[in-house]
Amino acid sequence: MQAAEELFSRGRFHEVKMEDVARKAGVGKGTIYRYFKDKDDLFTEVALAGYDELCEMVRTESGRSTDFRTALVNVCRRVSEFHRLRRQLMSMQQAAERRALWQHGRMKERWRQKRHALVAAVSDLLGEGRLTGEIRDDLPLDVLAVFLLSMLRTRGWAGRIDPGFRIGHEAVVDLFLNGVSPKAGGKDEKA
């Protein structure tokens, strides 16, 4: 899977051949077909494996700080860094997500499970914020987690489209927690 991720990151899907993956991994082509039914299956499994890494990273980072806001900023920073360093994997995840929307069966269910696990990991952290009164209690935590992950995705894409676009993780967390009201950034209305 590491060999496949590396090759998919250097070339387009149709350019990567199973023979190339086998050569890079140092195994026979038949060995790959023991574990993956075809190139689509291999691509999907590589993309989905990234979710496991993200979930573990979110859980680990969440437990490193006793302060909720600091933990949230650090998780956002780590998720963004993961996607920056493994940009092709993020593209693969998004491609797998788009393909899953149109398919039925195993792939769609696997994508749902992995995506749900990531949302659950972020929801757990947001639950800590709810206990401290920093997260509102009238919306489901999984919905809030999806919003936060979407904000991070948007932050990443906007930076790629316009390199002049810069917004720090503290600002993302502030927008998430407080919205875009002029009162949100800690500014007093009369100041």
N, C-alpha and C. Protein backbone atom coordinates (compact mmCIF):
# COMPACT_ATOMS: atom_id res chain seq x y z
N MET A 1 0.83 -1.19 0.00
CA MET A 1 0.00 0.00 0.00
C MET A 1 0.87 1.25 0.00
N GLN A 2 2.02 1.20 0.70
CA GLN A 2 2.93 2.35 0.68
C GLN A 2 3.47 2.57 -0.73
N ALA A 3 3.83 1.50 -1.41
CA ALA A 3 4.32 1.61 -2.78
C ALA A 3 3.24 2.19 -3.68
N ALA A 4 2.02 1.72 -3.51
CA ALA A 4 0.91 2.22 -4.33
C ALA A 4 0.66 3.70 -4.06
N GLU A 5 0.67 4.10 -2.79
CA GLU A 5 0.45 5.51 -2.47
C GLU A 5 1.52 6.37 -3.13
N GLU A 6 2.75 5.93 -3.06
CA GLU A 6 3.84 6.70 -3.67
C GLU A 6 3.65 6.82 -5.18
N LEU A 7 3.30 5.72 -5.82
CA LEU A 7 3.11 5.76 -7.27
C LEU A 7 1.89 6.57 -7.67
N PHE A 8 0.79 6.41 -6.93
CA PHE A 8 -0.40 7.20 -7.24
C PHE A 8 -0.14 8.69 -7.02
N SER A 9 0.77 9.02 -6.11
CA SER A 9 1.07 10.42 -5.85
C SER A 9 1.93 11.04 -6.94
N ARG A 10 2.62 10.22 -7.70
CA ARG A 10 3.49 10.74 -8.77
C ARG A 10 2.82 10.74 -10.14
N GLY A 11 1.80 9.93 -10.31
CA GLY A 11 1.18 9.84 -11.63
C GLY A 11 -0.32 9.77 -11.52
N ARG A 12 -0.95 9.88 -12.66
CA ARG A 12 -2.41 9.77 -12.69
C ARG A 12 -2.81 8.31 -12.56
N PHE A 13 -4.05 8.12 -12.12
CA PHE A 13 -4.55 6.77 -11.84
C PHE A 13 -4.31 5.84 -13.02
N HIS A 14 -4.68 6.27 -14.20
CA HIS A 14 -4.58 5.40 -15.37
C HIS A 14 -3.13 5.11 -15.78
N GLU A 15 -2.19 5.93 -15.31
CA GLU A 15 -0.78 5.73 -15.64
C GLU A 15 -0.11 4.69 -14.74
N VAL A 16 -0.67 4.46 -13.57
CA VAL A 16 -0.08 3.52 -12.62
C VAL A 16 -0.53 2.12 -12.97
N LYS A 17 0.41 1.25 -13.17
CA LYS A 17 0.11 -0.14 -13.52
C LYS A 17 0.42 -1.04 -12.32
N MET A 18 -0.32 -2.11 -12.21
CA MET A 18 -0.11 -3.05 -11.11
C MET A 18 1.32 -3.61 -11.13
N GLU A 19 1.89 -3.77 -12.33
CA GLU A 19 3.28 -4.24 -12.44
C GLU A 19 4.23 -3.25 -11.75
N ASP A 20 3.95 -1.96 -11.92
CA ASP A 20 4.79 -0.93 -11.29
C ASP A 20 4.69 -1.00 -9.77
N VAL A 21 3.48 -1.21 -9.27
CA VAL A 21 3.27 -1.31 -7.83
C VAL A 21 4.02 -2.53 -7.29
N ALA A 22 3.90 -3.66 -8.00
CA ALA A 22 4.56 -4.89 -7.56
C ALA A 22 6.08 -4.69 -7.54
N ARG A 23 6.62 -4.08 -8.58
CA ARG A 23 8.07 -3.84 -8.64
C ARG A 23 8.51 -2.93 -7.49
N LYS A 24 7.78 -1.86 -7.27
CA LYS A 24 8.12 -0.90 -6.20
C LYS A 24 8.04 -1.57 -4.82
N ALA A 25 7.06 -2.45 -4.64
CA ALA A 25 6.88 -3.12 -3.35
C ALA A 25 7.82 -4.32 -3.18
N GLY A 26 8.45 -4.74 -4.27
CA GLY A 26 9.34 -5.88 -4.19
C GLY A 26 8.61 -7.21 -4.05
N VAL A 27 7.44 -7.30 -4.66
CA VAL A 27 6.65 -8.54 -4.63
C VAL A 27 6.20 -8.87 -6.05
N GLY A 28 5.71 -10.07 -6.20
CA GLY A 28 5.14 -10.46 -7.48
C GLY A 28 3.77 -9.86 -7.67
N LYS A 29 3.40 -9.66 -8.93
CA LYS A 29 2.09 -9.08 -9.24
C LYS A 29 0.96 -9.95 -8.68
N GLY A 30 1.14 -11.26 -8.70
CA GLY A 30 0.13 -12.16 -8.16
C GLY A 30 -0.11 -11.95 -6.68
N THR A 31 0.93 -11.55 -5.96
CA THR A 31 0.79 -11.29 -4.53
C THR A 31 -0.18 -10.13 -4.29
N ILE A 32 -0.11 -9.13 -5.12
CA ILE A 32 -1.02 -7.98 -4.98
C ILE A 32 -2.47 -8.44 -5.18
N TYR A 33 -2.67 -9.30 -6.17
CA TYR A 33 -4.02 -9.77 -6.45
C TYR A 33 -4.56 -10.73 -5.38
N ARG A 34 -3.70 -11.20 -4.51
CA ARG A 34 -4.20 -11.98 -3.37
C ARG A 34 -4.96 -11.10 -2.39
N TYR A 35 -4.55 -9.84 -2.31
CA TYR A 35 -5.12 -8.91 -1.33
C TYR A 35 -6.08 -7.89 -1.94
N PHE A 36 -5.93 -7.61 -3.21
CA PHE A 36 -6.74 -6.59 -3.87
C PHE A 36 -7.27 -7.16 -5.18
N LYS A 37 -8.58 -6.98 -5.42
CA LYS A 37 -9.17 -7.60 -6.60
C LYS A 37 -8.73 -6.92 -7.90
N ASP A 38 -8.45 -5.61 -7.83
CA ASP A 38 -7.98 -4.88 -9.02
C ASP A 38 -7.38 -3.56 -8.57
N LYS A 39 -7.00 -2.74 -9.54
CA LYS A 39 -6.36 -1.46 -9.22
C LYS A 39 -7.32 -0.52 -8.50
N ASP A 40 -8.58 -0.54 -8.86
CA ASP A 40 -9.57 0.28 -8.15
C ASP A 40 -9.63 -0.09 -6.67
N ASP A 41 -9.62 -1.37 -6.39
CA ASP A 41 -9.66 -1.85 -5.02
C ASP A 41 -8.42 -1.40 -4.25
N LEU A 42 -7.26 -1.52 -4.88
CA LEU A 42 -6.01 -1.07 -4.25
C LEU A 42 -6.07 0.43 -3.97
N PHE A 43 -6.49 1.21 -4.95
CA PHE A 43 -6.60 2.66 -4.80
C PHE A 43 -7.51 3.01 -3.62
N THR A 44 -8.66 2.35 -3.58
CA THR A 44 -9.63 2.61 -2.50
C THR A 44 -9.05 2.27 -1.14
N GLU A 45 -8.40 1.14 -1.03
CA GLU A 45 -7.83 0.73 0.26
C GLU A 45 -6.72 1.68 0.71
N VAL A 46 -5.90 2.15 -0.22
CA VAL A 46 -4.86 3.12 0.14
C VAL A 46 -5.51 4.41 0.64
N ALA A 47 -6.52 4.87 -0.07
CA ALA A 47 -7.21 6.10 0.34
C ALA A 47 -7.85 5.94 1.71
N LEU A 48 -8.49 4.81 1.93
CA LEU A 48 -9.18 4.59 3.20
C LEU A 48 -8.22 4.41 4.36
N ALA A 49 -7.04 3.87 4.10
CA ALA A 49 -6.05 3.68 5.18
C ALA A 49 -5.66 5.02 5.79
N GLY A 50 -5.69 6.08 4.99
CA GLY A 50 -5.37 7.41 5.52
C GLY A 50 -6.32 7.84 6.61
N TYR A 51 -7.57 7.39 6.54
CA TYR A 51 -8.53 7.72 7.59
C TYR A 51 -8.12 7.11 8.92
N ASP A 52 -7.60 5.89 8.89
CA ASP A 52 -7.14 5.26 10.14
C ASP A 52 -6.04 6.10 10.78
N GLU A 53 -5.10 6.55 9.96
CA GLU A 53 -4.01 7.38 10.48
C GLU A 53 -4.54 8.69 11.06
N LEU A 54 -5.46 9.32 10.36
CA LEU A 54 -6.04 10.56 10.85
C LEU A 54 -6.78 10.36 12.17
N CYS A 55 -7.55 9.29 12.27
CA CYS A 55 -8.28 9.01 13.52
C CYS A 55 -7.32 8.85 14.69
N GLU A 56 -6.29 8.07 14.49
CA GLU A 56 -5.30 7.85 15.55
C GLU A 56 -4.62 9.16 15.94
N MET A 57 -4.28 9.97 14.95
CA MET A 57 -3.63 11.25 15.22
C MET A 57 -4.57 12.18 16.00
N VAL A 58 -5.85 12.23 15.64
CA VAL A 58 -6.82 13.08 16.35
C VAL A 58 -6.94 12.63 17.80
N ARG A 59 -7.06 11.33 18.01
CA ARG A 59 -7.20 10.82 19.38
C ARG A 59 -5.94 11.12 20.21
N THR A 60 -4.79 10.90 19.63
CA THR A 60 -3.53 11.14 20.34
C THR A 60 -3.38 12.61 20.68
N GLU A 61 -3.60 13.47 19.69
CA GLU A 61 -3.43 14.91 19.90
C GLU A 61 -4.46 15.45 20.87
N SER A 62 -5.67 14.91 20.84
CA SER A 62 -6.73 15.38 21.75
C SER A 62 -6.34 15.19 23.21
N GLY A 63 -5.62 14.15 23.51
CA GLY A 63 -5.26 13.85 24.89
C GLY A 63 -4.02 14.55 25.40
N ARG A 64 -3.36 15.31 24.57
CA ARG A 64 -2.09 15.94 24.97
C ARG A 64 -2.26 17.24 25.74
N SER A 65 -3.43 17.84 25.68
CA SER A 65 -3.63 19.13 26.34
C SER A 65 -4.84 19.05 27.26
N THR A 66 -4.74 19.69 28.40
CA THR A 66 -5.88 19.73 29.31
C THR A 66 -6.83 20.87 28.96
N ASP A 67 -6.37 21.82 28.18
CA ASP A 67 -7.18 22.96 27.76
C ASP A 67 -7.86 22.62 26.43
N PHE A 68 -9.19 22.69 26.39
CA PHE A 68 -9.95 22.29 25.21
C PHE A 68 -9.55 23.09 23.97
N ARG A 69 -9.52 24.40 24.09
CA ARG A 69 -9.22 25.24 22.92
C ARG A 69 -7.84 24.93 22.35
N THR A 70 -6.86 24.76 23.23
CA THR A 70 -5.51 24.43 22.78
C THR A 70 -5.52 23.07 22.07
N ALA A 71 -6.22 22.11 22.63
CA ALA A 71 -6.32 20.79 22.00
C ALA A 71 -6.98 20.90 20.63
N LEU A 72 -8.02 21.71 20.52
CA LEU A 72 -8.71 21.87 19.25
C LEU A 72 -7.81 22.51 18.20
N VAL A 73 -7.09 23.56 18.58
CA VAL A 73 -6.15 24.20 17.65
C VAL A 73 -5.08 23.20 17.22
N ASN A 74 -4.55 22.43 18.17
CA ASN A 74 -3.50 21.46 17.84
C ASN A 74 -4.02 20.36 16.92
N VAL A 75 -5.24 19.89 17.15
CA VAL A 75 -5.82 18.88 16.26
C VAL A 75 -5.99 19.47 14.86
N CYS A 76 -6.50 20.68 14.76
CA CYS A 76 -6.66 21.32 13.45
C CYS A 76 -5.31 21.46 12.75
N ARG A 77 -4.31 21.86 13.49
CA ARG A 77 -2.97 22.01 12.92
C ARG A 77 -2.45 20.67 12.41
N ARG A 78 -2.62 19.62 13.19
CA ARG A 78 -2.12 18.29 12.79
C ARG A 78 -2.87 17.73 11.59
N VAL A 79 -4.20 17.92 11.55
CA VAL A 79 -4.98 17.45 10.40
C VAL A 79 -4.52 18.18 9.14
N SER A 80 -4.35 19.49 9.23
CA SER A 80 -3.88 20.27 8.08
C SER A 80 -2.49 19.85 7.65
N GLU A 81 -1.62 19.64 8.62
CA GLU A 81 -0.24 19.21 8.31
C GLU A 81 -0.24 17.84 7.65
N PHE A 82 -1.06 16.94 8.14
CA PHE A 82 -1.18 15.61 7.53
C PHE A 82 -1.56 15.74 6.06
N HIS A 83 -2.56 16.56 5.79
CA HIS A 83 -3.00 16.73 4.41
C HIS A 83 -2.00 17.49 3.57
N ARG A 84 -1.27 18.41 4.17
CA ARG A 84 -0.24 19.13 3.40
C ARG A 84 0.89 18.19 3.01
N LEU A 85 1.34 17.38 3.96
CA LEU A 85 2.45 16.46 3.68
C LEU A 85 2.04 15.32 2.78
N ARG A 86 0.77 14.96 2.84
CA ARG A 86 0.29 13.82 2.05
C ARG A 86 -0.85 14.28 1.16
N ARG A 87 -0.57 15.33 0.43
CA ARG A 87 -1.56 15.98 -0.43
C ARG A 87 -2.21 14.99 -1.40
N GLN A 88 -1.41 14.12 -1.98
CA GLN A 88 -1.97 13.16 -2.93
C GLN A 88 -2.94 12.21 -2.23
N LEU A 89 -2.60 11.83 -0.99
CA LEU A 89 -3.52 10.95 -0.26
C LEU A 89 -4.85 11.66 -0.03
N MET A 90 -4.80 12.95 0.28
CA MET A 90 -6.05 13.70 0.46
C MET A 90 -6.84 13.70 -0.84
N SER A 91 -6.17 13.88 -1.96
CA SER A 91 -6.86 13.84 -3.25
C SER A 91 -7.44 12.46 -3.50
N MET A 92 -6.69 11.43 -3.10
CA MET A 92 -7.19 10.06 -3.26
C MET A 92 -8.43 9.85 -2.39
N GLN A 93 -8.39 10.37 -1.16
CA GLN A 93 -9.55 10.23 -0.28
C GLN A 93 -10.77 10.92 -0.88
N GLN A 94 -10.57 12.10 -1.43
CA GLN A 94 -11.69 12.82 -2.02
C GLN A 94 -12.21 12.10 -3.26
N ALA A 95 -11.31 11.52 -4.04
CA ALA A 95 -11.74 10.75 -5.21
C ALA A 95 -12.53 9.52 -4.78
N ALA A 96 -12.04 8.84 -3.74
CA ALA A 96 -12.75 7.67 -3.23
C ALA A 96 -14.11 8.06 -2.68
N GLU A 97 -14.16 9.22 -2.04
CA GLU A 97 -15.43 9.73 -1.50
C GLU A 97 -16.41 10.00 -2.63
N ARG A 98 -15.96 10.67 -3.68
CA ARG A 98 -16.85 10.96 -4.82
C ARG A 98 -17.33 9.66 -5.48
N ARG A 99 -16.43 8.71 -5.67
CA ARG A 99 -16.81 7.44 -6.28
C ARG A 99 -17.79 6.68 -5.39
N ALA A 100 -17.59 6.76 -4.09
CA ALA A 100 -18.47 6.04 -3.16
C ALA A 100 -19.90 6.57 -3.21
N LEU A 101 -20.05 7.84 -3.48
CA LEU A 101 -21.39 8.43 -3.53
C LEU A 101 -22.25 7.81 -4.64
N TRP A 102 -21.60 7.34 -5.68
CA TRP A 102 -22.33 6.80 -6.83
C TRP A 102 -22.39 5.28 -6.83
N GLN A 103 -21.73 4.67 -5.89
CA GLN A 103 -21.69 3.21 -5.86
C GLN A 103 -22.53 2.67 -4.71
N HIS A 104 -22.76 1.40 -4.79
CA HIS A 104 -23.47 0.69 -3.73
C HIS A 104 -22.55 -0.41 -3.24
N GLY A 105 -22.88 -0.96 -2.11
CA GLY A 105 -22.16 -2.14 -1.65
C GLY A 105 -20.93 -1.84 -0.83
N ARG A 106 -19.94 -2.70 -0.98
CA ARG A 106 -18.77 -2.73 -0.12
C ARG A 106 -17.99 -1.41 -0.07
N MET A 107 -17.68 -0.84 -1.22
CA MET A 107 -16.87 0.38 -1.22
C MET A 107 -17.59 1.51 -0.50
N LYS A 108 -18.86 1.70 -0.79
CA LYS A 108 -19.61 2.77 -0.15
C LYS A 108 -19.66 2.55 1.36
N GLU A 109 -19.89 1.33 1.77
CA GLU A 109 -19.97 1.03 3.20
C GLU A 109 -18.62 1.22 3.88
N ARG A 110 -17.53 0.80 3.23
CA ARG A 110 -16.19 0.99 3.82
C ARG A 110 -15.88 2.48 3.95
N TRP A 111 -16.19 3.26 2.92
CA TRP A 111 -15.94 4.69 3.00
C TRP A 111 -16.74 5.30 4.15
N ARG A 112 -18.01 4.93 4.25
CA ARG A 112 -18.86 5.44 5.33
C ARG A 112 -18.28 5.12 6.70
N GLN A 113 -17.82 3.89 6.88
CA GLN A 113 -17.24 3.49 8.17
C GLN A 113 -16.02 4.32 8.51
N LYS A 114 -15.14 4.50 7.54
CA LYS A 114 -13.91 5.26 7.79
C LYS A 114 -14.21 6.73 8.06
N ARG A 115 -15.08 7.30 7.26
CA ARG A 115 -15.45 8.70 7.45
C ARG A 115 -16.13 8.88 8.80
N HIS A 116 -17.02 7.96 9.15
CA HIS A 116 -17.70 8.02 10.44
C HIS A 116 -16.70 7.92 11.59
N ALA A 117 -15.68 7.10 11.45
CA ALA A 117 -14.66 6.97 12.51
C ALA A 117 -13.92 8.29 12.71
N LEU A 118 -13.60 8.99 11.61
CA LEU A 118 -12.92 10.28 11.74
C LEU A 118 -13.85 11.30 12.38
N VAL A 119 -15.10 11.34 11.95
CA VAL A 119 -16.07 12.26 12.54
C VAL A 119 -16.25 11.94 14.03
N ALA A 120 -16.28 10.66 14.38
CA ALA A 120 -16.43 10.27 15.79
C ALA A 120 -15.23 10.71 16.62
N ALA A 121 -14.03 10.60 16.07
CA ALA A 121 -12.83 11.03 16.80
C ALA A 121 -12.88 12.53 17.08
N VAL A 122 -13.28 13.32 16.09
CA VAL A 122 -13.40 14.77 16.28
C VAL A 122 -14.57 15.07 17.22
N SER A 123 -15.66 14.32 17.10
CA SER A 123 -16.83 14.51 17.98
C SER A 123 -16.45 14.28 19.45
N ASP A 124 -15.60 13.29 19.69
CA ASP A 124 -15.16 13.02 21.06
C ASP A 124 -14.45 14.23 21.65
N LEU A 125 -13.59 14.85 20.85
CA LEU A 125 -12.90 16.06 21.32
C LEU A 125 -13.91 17.18 21.55
N LEU A 126 -14.84 17.37 20.63
CA LEU A 126 -15.84 18.42 20.80
C LEU A 126 -16.72 18.16 22.03
N GLY A 127 -16.91 16.90 22.36
CA GLY A 127 -17.65 16.54 23.58
C GLY A 127 -16.96 17.08 24.83
N GLU A 128 -15.63 17.09 24.80
CA GLU A 128 -14.88 17.68 25.92
C GLU A 128 -15.19 19.17 26.02
N GLY A 129 -15.29 19.83 24.88
CA GLY A 129 -15.64 21.26 24.87
C GLY A 129 -17.06 21.51 25.34
N ARG A 130 -17.92 20.57 25.06
CA ARG A 130 -19.31 20.70 25.53
C ARG A 130 -19.33 20.62 27.05
N LEU A 131 -18.53 19.74 27.62
CA LEU A 131 -18.48 19.60 29.09
C LEU A 131 -17.98 20.87 29.76
N THR A 132 -17.10 21.62 29.09
CA THR A 132 -16.56 22.85 29.67
C THR A 132 -17.39 24.08 29.29
N GLY A 133 -18.47 23.86 28.52
CA GLY A 133 -19.32 24.98 28.13
C GLY A 133 -18.82 25.75 26.92
N GLU A 134 -17.83 25.24 26.23
CA GLU A 134 -17.27 25.94 25.07
C GLU A 134 -17.90 25.50 23.75
N ILE A 135 -18.69 24.45 23.79
CA ILE A 135 -19.40 23.96 22.59
C ILE A 135 -20.89 23.94 22.92
N ARG A 136 -21.67 24.52 22.08
CA ARG A 136 -23.12 24.59 22.29
C ARG A 136 -23.73 23.19 22.32
N ASP A 137 -24.84 23.09 23.02
CA ASP A 137 -25.43 21.76 23.21
C ASP A 137 -26.72 21.55 22.42
N ASP A 138 -27.05 22.46 21.51
CA ASP A 138 -28.28 22.30 20.75
C ASP A 138 -28.07 21.66 19.38
N LEU A 139 -26.84 21.32 19.04
CA LEU A 139 -26.53 20.65 17.77
C LEU A 139 -25.77 19.36 18.05
N PRO A 140 -26.02 18.34 17.25
CA PRO A 140 -25.30 17.08 17.45
C PRO A 140 -23.79 17.27 17.22
N LEU A 141 -23.01 16.59 18.03
CA LEU A 141 -21.55 16.72 17.93
C LEU A 141 -21.03 16.24 16.58
N ASP A 142 -21.65 15.22 16.00
CA ASP A 142 -21.16 14.74 14.71
C ASP A 142 -21.38 15.79 13.61
N VAL A 143 -22.46 16.54 13.69
CA VAL A 143 -22.70 17.62 12.73
C VAL A 143 -21.63 18.70 12.89
N LEU A 144 -21.35 19.06 14.13
CA LEU A 144 -20.31 20.07 14.39
C LEU A 144 -18.94 19.58 13.91
N ALA A 145 -18.66 18.30 14.10
CA ALA A 145 -17.38 17.73 13.64
C ALA A 145 -17.27 17.83 12.13
N VAL A 146 -18.35 17.54 11.42
CA VAL A 146 -18.33 17.65 9.96
C VAL A 146 -18.09 19.09 9.53
N PHE A 147 -18.71 20.04 10.22
CA PHE A 147 -18.48 21.45 9.91
C PHE A 147 -17.01 21.82 10.11
N LEU A 148 -16.44 21.40 11.21
CA LEU A 148 -15.03 21.73 11.48
C LEU A 148 -14.12 21.10 10.43
N LEU A 149 -14.33 19.84 10.11
CA LEU A 149 -13.51 19.18 9.09
C LEU A 149 -13.67 19.86 7.73
N SER A 150 -14.88 20.32 7.44
CA SER A 150 -15.12 21.04 6.18
C SER A 150 -14.39 22.38 6.16
N MET A 151 -14.35 23.04 7.30
CA MET A 151 -13.61 24.30 7.38
C MET A 151 -12.12 24.06 7.13
N LEU A 152 -11.59 22.99 7.66
CA LEU A 152 -10.17 22.68 7.44
C LEU A 152 -9.92 22.33 5.98
N ARG A 153 -10.83 21.60 5.37
CA ARG A 153 -10.69 21.26 3.95
C ARG A 153 -10.72 22.54 3.11
N THR A 154 -11.65 23.43 3.41
CA THR A 154 -11.75 24.69 2.67
C THR A 154 -10.49 25.52 2.85
N ARG A 155 -9.96 25.55 4.06
CA ARG A 155 -8.72 26.28 4.32
C ARG A 155 -7.59 25.75 3.44
N GLY A 156 -7.49 24.44 3.32
CA GLY A 156 -6.45 23.83 2.50
C GLY A 156 -6.61 24.12 1.03
N TRP A 157 -7.84 23.99 0.53
CA TRP A 157 -8.08 24.24 -0.90
C TRP A 157 -7.88 25.70 -1.25
N ALA A 158 -8.36 26.60 -0.43
CA ALA A 158 -8.22 28.03 -0.71
C ALA A 158 -6.75 28.42 -0.78
N GLY A 159 -5.93 27.84 0.10
CA GLY A 159 -4.50 28.14 0.09
C GLY A 159 -3.81 27.63 -1.17
N ARG A 160 -4.31 26.55 -1.73
CA ARG A 160 -3.73 26.03 -2.97
C ARG A 160 -4.12 26.87 -4.16
N ILE A 161 -5.36 27.33 -4.18
CA ILE A 161 -5.85 28.13 -5.29
C ILE A 161 -5.21 29.51 -5.27
N ASP A 162 -5.15 30.11 -4.10
CA ASP A 162 -4.57 31.45 -3.95
C ASP A 162 -3.52 31.41 -2.85
N PRO A 163 -2.24 31.32 -3.23
CA PRO A 163 -1.18 31.22 -2.21
C PRO A 163 -1.15 32.41 -1.25
N GLY A 164 -1.77 33.53 -1.64
CA GLY A 164 -1.83 34.68 -0.75
C GLY A 164 -2.87 34.51 0.35
N PHE A 165 -3.72 33.52 0.20
CA PHE A 165 -4.76 33.27 1.21
C PHE A 165 -4.11 32.56 2.39
N ARG A 166 -4.12 33.20 3.51
CA ARG A 166 -3.55 32.61 4.71
C ARG A 166 -4.52 32.84 5.87
N ILE A 167 -4.84 31.77 6.55
CA ILE A 167 -5.62 31.87 7.78
C ILE A 167 -5.05 30.83 8.73
N GLY A 168 -4.69 31.28 9.90
CA GLY A 168 -4.10 30.38 10.88
C GLY A 168 -5.12 29.46 11.52
N HIS A 169 -4.62 28.44 12.17
CA HIS A 169 -5.50 27.47 12.82
C HIS A 169 -6.25 28.09 14.00
N GLU A 170 -5.62 29.05 14.66
CA GLU A 170 -6.31 29.75 15.75
C GLU A 170 -7.52 30.49 15.21
N ALA A 171 -7.38 31.09 14.02
CA ALA A 171 -8.50 31.82 13.41
C ALA A 171 -9.60 30.85 12.98
N VAL A 172 -9.23 29.68 12.48
CA VAL A 172 -10.23 28.67 12.10
C VAL A 172 -11.02 28.26 13.34
N VAL A 173 -10.31 28.00 14.44
CA VAL A 173 -10.98 27.60 15.68
C VAL A 173 -11.86 28.74 16.19
N ASP A 174 -11.38 29.98 16.10
CA ASP A 174 -12.19 31.11 16.53
C ASP A 174 -13.46 31.23 15.68
N LEU A 175 -13.32 31.07 14.36
CA LEU A 175 -14.51 31.09 13.49
C LEU A 175 -15.46 29.96 13.84
N PHE A 176 -14.91 28.79 14.09
CA PHE A 176 -15.74 27.64 14.43
C PHE A 176 -16.49 27.87 15.74
N LEU A 177 -15.78 28.36 16.75
CA LEU A 177 -16.39 28.52 18.07
C LEU A 177 -17.27 29.76 18.18
N ASN A 178 -16.90 30.84 17.46
CA ASN A 178 -17.58 32.11 17.68
C ASN A 178 -18.28 32.70 16.46
N GLY A 179 -18.07 32.15 15.29
CA GLY A 179 -18.70 32.68 14.09
C GLY A 179 -17.96 33.88 13.52
N VAL A 180 -18.63 34.61 12.67
CA VAL A 180 -17.98 35.73 11.97
C VAL A 180 -18.47 37.09 12.45
N SER A 181 -19.22 37.12 13.50
CA SER A 181 -19.71 38.37 14.05
C SER A 181 -18.53 39.24 14.49
N PRO A 182 -18.65 40.58 14.33
CA PRO A 182 -17.57 41.45 14.80
C PRO A 182 -17.32 41.29 16.31
N LYS A 183 -18.31 40.82 17.03
CA LYS A 183 -18.15 40.61 18.46
C LYS A 183 -17.36 39.34 18.74
N ALA A 184 -17.23 38.47 17.74
CA ALA A 184 -16.66 37.16 17.94
C ALA A 184 -15.18 37.18 18.27
N GLY A 185 -14.43 38.04 17.65
CA GLY A 185 -12.98 38.03 17.82
C GLY A 185 -12.51 38.66 19.11
N GLY A 186 -13.35 38.75 20.09
CA GLY A 186 -12.96 39.32 21.37
C GLY A 186 -13.03 40.84 21.37
N LYS A 187 -13.59 41.43 20.32
CA LYS A 187 -13.68 42.89 20.25
C LYS A 187 -14.96 43.36 20.89
N ASP A 188 -14.84 44.37 21.68
CA ASP A 188 -16.01 44.94 22.33
C ASP A 188 -16.71 45.86 21.32
N GLU A 189 -18.02 45.86 21.33
CA GLU A 189 -18.81 46.67 20.39
C GLU A 189 -18.50 48.14 20.53
N LYS A 190 -18.24 48.63 21.73
CA LYS A 190 -18.02 50.05 21.97
C LYS A 190 -16.54 50.42 21.89
N ALA A 191 -15.67 49.44 21.82
CA ALA A 191 -14.24 49.73 21.76
C ALA A 191 -13.96 50.32 20.42
